[in-house]
């Protein structure tokens, strides 16, 4: 069983990003561009809390579905992993800082990573007082 705290889904290098930009002649869909921009934007405590809560709920659903064959098949095709939540590099750095860990140097804002689920409740607990203080 994989016990790494962080898994790299994709970590684009400058050469790969340049090749991708040249392939589509520098034009990408508006939605794709907005999605990438949102993932690179560091959120306030409330926004990060909502991201973590949503991703945790999806992972819990994937864990529940993995109890039967059809659910495991669905998880396989949808890419959901019950033990990990997907995060962008920016959100992963924010989450690791909350729990007192230094983000590794290989984490880039535009990368896609997965964080092991047992770190998420700790980060959400650290965010709760910050959110209460905002209100």
C-alpha atoms as a PDB file:
ATOM      1  CA  UNK A   1       0.000   0.000   0.000  1.00  0.00           C
ATOM      2  CA  UNK A   2       1.285   3.429  -0.978  1.00  0.00           C
ATOM      3  CA  UNK A   3       1.952   5.556   2.138  1.00  0.00           C
ATOM      4  CA  UNK A   4       3.536   8.653   0.603  1.00  0.00           C
ATOM      5  CA  UNK A   5       2.155  11.933   1.940  1.00  0.00           C
ATOM      6  CA  UNK A   6       2.275  13.614  -1.480  1.00  0.00           C
ATOM      7  CA  UNK A   7       1.925  12.064  -4.895  1.00  0.00           C
ATOM      8  CA  UNK A   8       2.765  13.941  -8.094  1.00  0.00           C
ATOM      9  CA  UNK A   9      -0.001  13.728 -10.677  1.00  0.00           C
ATOM     10  CA  UNK A  10       1.617  16.189 -13.080  1.00  0.00           C
ATOM     11  CA  UNK A  11       4.310  18.756 -12.602  1.00  0.00           C
ATOM     12  CA  UNK A  12       4.799  20.686 -15.811  1.00  0.00           C
ATOM     13  CA  UNK A  13       8.241  21.727 -16.845  1.00  0.00           C
ATOM     14  CA  UNK A  14       8.782  24.950 -18.832  1.00  0.00           C
ATOM     15  CA  UNK A  15       9.613  22.886 -21.927  1.00  0.00           C
ATOM     16  CA  UNK A  16       6.355  20.925 -21.707  1.00  0.00           C
ATOM     17  CA  UNK A  17       4.293  24.085 -21.156  1.00  0.00           C
ATOM     18  CA  UNK A  18       5.956  25.757 -24.162  1.00  0.00           C
ATOM     19  CA  UNK A  19       5.309  22.731 -26.376  1.00  0.00           C
ATOM     20  CA  UNK A  20       1.671  22.606 -25.272  1.00  0.00           C
ATOM     21  CA  UNK A  21       1.263  26.315 -26.000  1.00  0.00           C
ATOM     22  CA  UNK A  22       2.810  25.913 -29.441  1.00  0.00           C
ATOM     23  CA  UNK A  23       0.603  22.904 -30.218  1.00  0.00           C
ATOM     24  CA  UNK A  24      -2.604  24.888 -29.738  1.00  0.00           C
ATOM     25  CA  UNK A  25      -1.058  28.026 -31.263  1.00  0.00           C
ATOM     26  CA  UNK A  26      -1.219  29.761 -27.900  1.00  0.00           C
ATOM     27  CA  UNK A  27      -5.018  29.595 -27.815  1.00  0.00           C
ATOM     28  CA  UNK A  28      -6.769  27.586 -25.143  1.00  0.00           C
ATOM     29  CA  UNK A  29     -10.393  27.474 -24.171  1.00  0.00           C
ATOM     30  CA  UNK A  30     -11.664  30.153 -21.833  1.00  0.00           C
ATOM     31  CA  UNK A  31     -12.800  27.584 -19.288  1.00  0.00           C
ATOM     32  CA  UNK A  32      -9.450  25.833 -19.244  1.00  0.00           C
ATOM     33  CA  UNK A  33      -7.670  29.127 -18.688  1.00  0.00           C
ATOM     34  CA  UNK A  34     -10.026  30.127 -15.878  1.00  0.00           C
ATOM     35  CA  UNK A  35      -9.652  26.735 -14.223  1.00  0.00           C
ATOM     36  CA  UNK A  36      -5.873  27.028 -14.266  1.00  0.00           C
ATOM     37  CA  UNK A  37      -6.049  30.575 -12.909  1.00  0.00           C
ATOM     38  CA  UNK A  38      -8.281  29.523 -10.006  1.00  0.00           C
ATOM     39  CA  UNK A  39      -5.938  26.665  -9.114  1.00  0.00           C
ATOM     40  CA  UNK A  40      -2.938  29.004  -9.012  1.00  0.00           C
ATOM     41  CA  UNK A  41      -4.688  31.623  -6.871  1.00  0.00           C
ATOM     42  CA  UNK A  42      -4.020  31.286  -3.117  1.00  0.00           C
ATOM     43  CA  UNK A  43      -7.323  31.312  -1.261  1.00  0.00           C
ATOM     44  CA  UNK A  44      -8.249  32.957   1.995  1.00  0.00           C
ATOM     45  CA  UNK A  45      -8.857  30.603   4.972  1.00  0.00           C
ATOM     46  CA  UNK A  46     -12.567  30.250   4.191  1.00  0.00           C
ATOM     47  CA  UNK A  47     -11.963  29.411   0.531  1.00  0.00           C
ATOM     48  CA  UNK A  48      -9.250  26.889   1.333  1.00  0.00           C
ATOM     49  CA  UNK A  49     -11.481  25.309   3.993  1.00  0.00           C
ATOM     50  CA  UNK A  50     -14.258  24.858   1.431  1.00  0.00           C
ATOM     51  CA  UNK A  51     -11.846  23.333  -1.099  1.00  0.00           C
ATOM     52  CA  UNK A  52     -10.555  20.855   1.482  1.00  0.00           C
ATOM     53  CA  UNK A  53     -14.058  20.029   2.727  1.00  0.00           C
ATOM     54  CA  UNK A  54     -15.320  19.357  -0.801  1.00  0.00           C
ATOM     55  CA  UNK A  55     -12.323  17.230  -1.754  1.00  0.00           C
ATOM     56  CA  UNK A  56     -12.592  15.298   1.537  1.00  0.00           C
ATOM     57  CA  UNK A  57     -16.283  14.610   0.878  1.00  0.00           C
ATOM     58  CA  UNK A  58     -15.474  13.308  -2.610  1.00  0.00           C
ATOM     59  CA  UNK A  59     -12.727  11.046  -1.200  1.00  0.00           C
ATOM     60  CA  UNK A  60     -15.101   9.723   1.477  1.00  0.00           C
ATOM     61  CA  UNK A  61     -17.659   8.936  -1.218  1.00  0.00           C
ATOM     62  CA  UNK A  62     -14.951   7.131  -3.195  1.00  0.00           C
ATOM     63  CA  UNK A  63     -14.069   5.129  -0.063  1.00  0.00           C
ATOM     64  CA  UNK A  64     -17.721   4.184   0.414  1.00  0.00           C
ATOM     65  CA  UNK A  65     -18.025   3.184  -3.251  1.00  0.00           C
ATOM     66  CA  UNK A  66     -14.867   1.067  -3.108  1.00  0.00           C
ATOM     67  CA  UNK A  67     -16.705  -1.438  -0.901  1.00  0.00           C
ATOM     68  CA  UNK A  68     -18.270  -3.122  -3.929  1.00  0.00           C
ATOM     69  CA  UNK A  69     -17.051  -4.086  -7.401  1.00  0.00           C
ATOM     70  CA  UNK A  70     -19.114  -1.507  -9.327  1.00  0.00           C
ATOM     71  CA  UNK A  71     -17.874   1.268  -7.056  1.00  0.00           C
ATOM     72  CA  UNK A  72     -14.245   0.236  -7.482  1.00  0.00           C
ATOM     73  CA  UNK A  73     -14.765   0.208 -11.237  1.00  0.00           C
ATOM     74  CA  UNK A  74     -16.348   3.685 -11.085  1.00  0.00           C
ATOM     75  CA  UNK A  75     -13.444   4.982  -8.959  1.00  0.00           C
ATOM     76  CA  UNK A  76     -10.975   3.539 -11.462  1.00  0.00           C
ATOM     77  CA  UNK A  77     -12.617   5.282 -14.420  1.00  0.00           C
ATOM     78  CA  UNK A  78     -13.264   8.567 -12.611  1.00  0.00           C
ATOM     79  CA  UNK A  79      -9.747   8.706 -11.184  1.00  0.00           C
ATOM     80  CA  UNK A  80     -10.899   9.024  -7.567  1.00  0.00           C
ATOM     81  CA  UNK A  81      -8.588   7.601  -4.913  1.00  0.00           C
ATOM     82  CA  UNK A  82     -10.097   7.192  -1.421  1.00  0.00           C
ATOM     83  CA  UNK A  83      -6.771   7.685   0.364  1.00  0.00           C
ATOM     84  CA  UNK A  84      -5.762  10.935  -1.394  1.00  0.00           C
ATOM     85  CA  UNK A  85      -7.295  14.282  -2.376  1.00  0.00           C
ATOM     86  CA  UNK A  86      -6.209  16.189  -5.498  1.00  0.00           C
ATOM     87  CA  UNK A  87      -4.769  19.677  -4.981  1.00  0.00           C
ATOM     88  CA  UNK A  88      -2.947  22.214  -7.101  1.00  0.00           C
ATOM     89  CA  UNK A  89       0.558  23.190  -6.093  1.00  0.00           C
ATOM     90  CA  UNK A  90      -0.625  26.484  -4.597  1.00  0.00           C
ATOM     91  CA  UNK A  91      -3.313  24.855  -2.456  1.00  0.00           C
ATOM     92  CA  UNK A  92      -0.938  22.075  -1.420  1.00  0.00           C
ATOM     93  CA  UNK A  93       1.637  24.615  -0.220  1.00  0.00           C
ATOM     94  CA  UNK A  94      -1.052  26.460   1.763  1.00  0.00           C
ATOM     95  CA  UNK A  95      -2.278  23.213   3.328  1.00  0.00           C
ATOM     96  CA  UNK A  96       1.196  22.032   4.301  1.00  0.00           C
ATOM     97  CA  UNK A  97       1.985  25.402   5.900  1.00  0.00           C
ATOM     98  CA  UNK A  98      -1.173  25.126   8.001  1.00  0.00           C
ATOM     99  CA  UNK A  99      -0.068  21.849   9.532  1.00  0.00           C
ATOM    100  CA  UNK A 100       3.476  23.058  10.132  1.00  0.00           C
ATOM    101  CA  UNK A 101       5.238  21.265   7.293  1.00  0.00           C
ATOM    102  CA  UNK A 102       7.578  22.841   4.779  1.00  0.00           C
ATOM    103  CA  UNK A 103       6.516  22.231   1.198  1.00  0.00           C
ATOM    104  CA  UNK A 104       9.139  20.384  -0.846  1.00  0.00           C
ATOM    105  CA  UNK A 105      10.952  22.410  -3.492  1.00  0.00           C
ATOM    106  CA  UNK A 106       9.525  20.323  -6.349  1.00  0.00           C
ATOM    107  CA  UNK A 107       5.979  21.626  -5.760  1.00  0.00           C
ATOM    108  CA  UNK A 108       5.125  24.234  -8.399  1.00  0.00           C
ATOM    109  CA  UNK A 109       1.905  26.303  -8.502  1.00  0.00           C
ATOM    110  CA  UNK A 110       0.747  24.882 -11.837  1.00  0.00           C
ATOM    111  CA  UNK A 111       1.389  21.269 -10.836  1.00  0.00           C
ATOM    112  CA  UNK A 112      -1.228  18.719  -9.833  1.00  0.00           C
ATOM    113  CA  UNK A 113      -0.644  16.706  -6.685  1.00  0.00           C
ATOM    114  CA  UNK A 114      -2.462  14.390  -4.307  1.00  0.00           C
ATOM    115  CA  UNK A 115      -2.281  14.768  -0.524  1.00  0.00           C
ATOM    116  CA  UNK A 116      -2.940  11.807   1.750  1.00  0.00           C
ATOM    117  CA  UNK A 117      -6.308  12.085   3.504  1.00  0.00           C
ATOM    118  CA  UNK A 118      -5.002  11.917   7.085  1.00  0.00           C
ATOM    119  CA  UNK A 119      -3.440  15.393   6.682  1.00  0.00           C
ATOM    120  CA  UNK A 120      -6.719  17.046   5.660  1.00  0.00           C
ATOM    121  CA  UNK A 121      -8.532  17.030   9.053  1.00  0.00           C
ATOM    122  CA  UNK A 122      -5.453  18.592  10.701  1.00  0.00           C
ATOM    123  CA  UNK A 123      -5.457  21.412   8.152  1.00  0.00           C
ATOM    124  CA  UNK A 124      -9.201  21.956   8.520  1.00  0.00           C
ATOM    125  CA  UNK A 125      -8.832  22.148  12.310  1.00  0.00           C
ATOM    126  CA  UNK A 126      -6.081  24.744  11.881  1.00  0.00           C
ATOM    127  CA  UNK A 127      -8.324  26.763   9.545  1.00  0.00           C
ATOM    128  CA  UNK A 128     -11.395  26.767  11.822  1.00  0.00           C
ATOM    129  CA  UNK A 129     -10.094  29.431  14.291  1.00  0.00           C
ATOM    130  CA  UNK A 130      -8.924  31.623  11.404  1.00  0.00           C
ATOM    131  CA  UNK A 131     -12.383  31.484   9.834  1.00  0.00           C
ATOM    132  CA  UNK A 132     -14.068  32.227  13.171  1.00  0.00           C
ATOM    133  CA  UNK A 133     -11.747  35.213  13.630  1.00  0.00           C
ATOM    134  CA  UNK A 134     -12.728  36.577  10.187  1.00  0.00           C
ATOM    135  CA  UNK A 135     -16.428  36.605  11.025  1.00  0.00           C
END
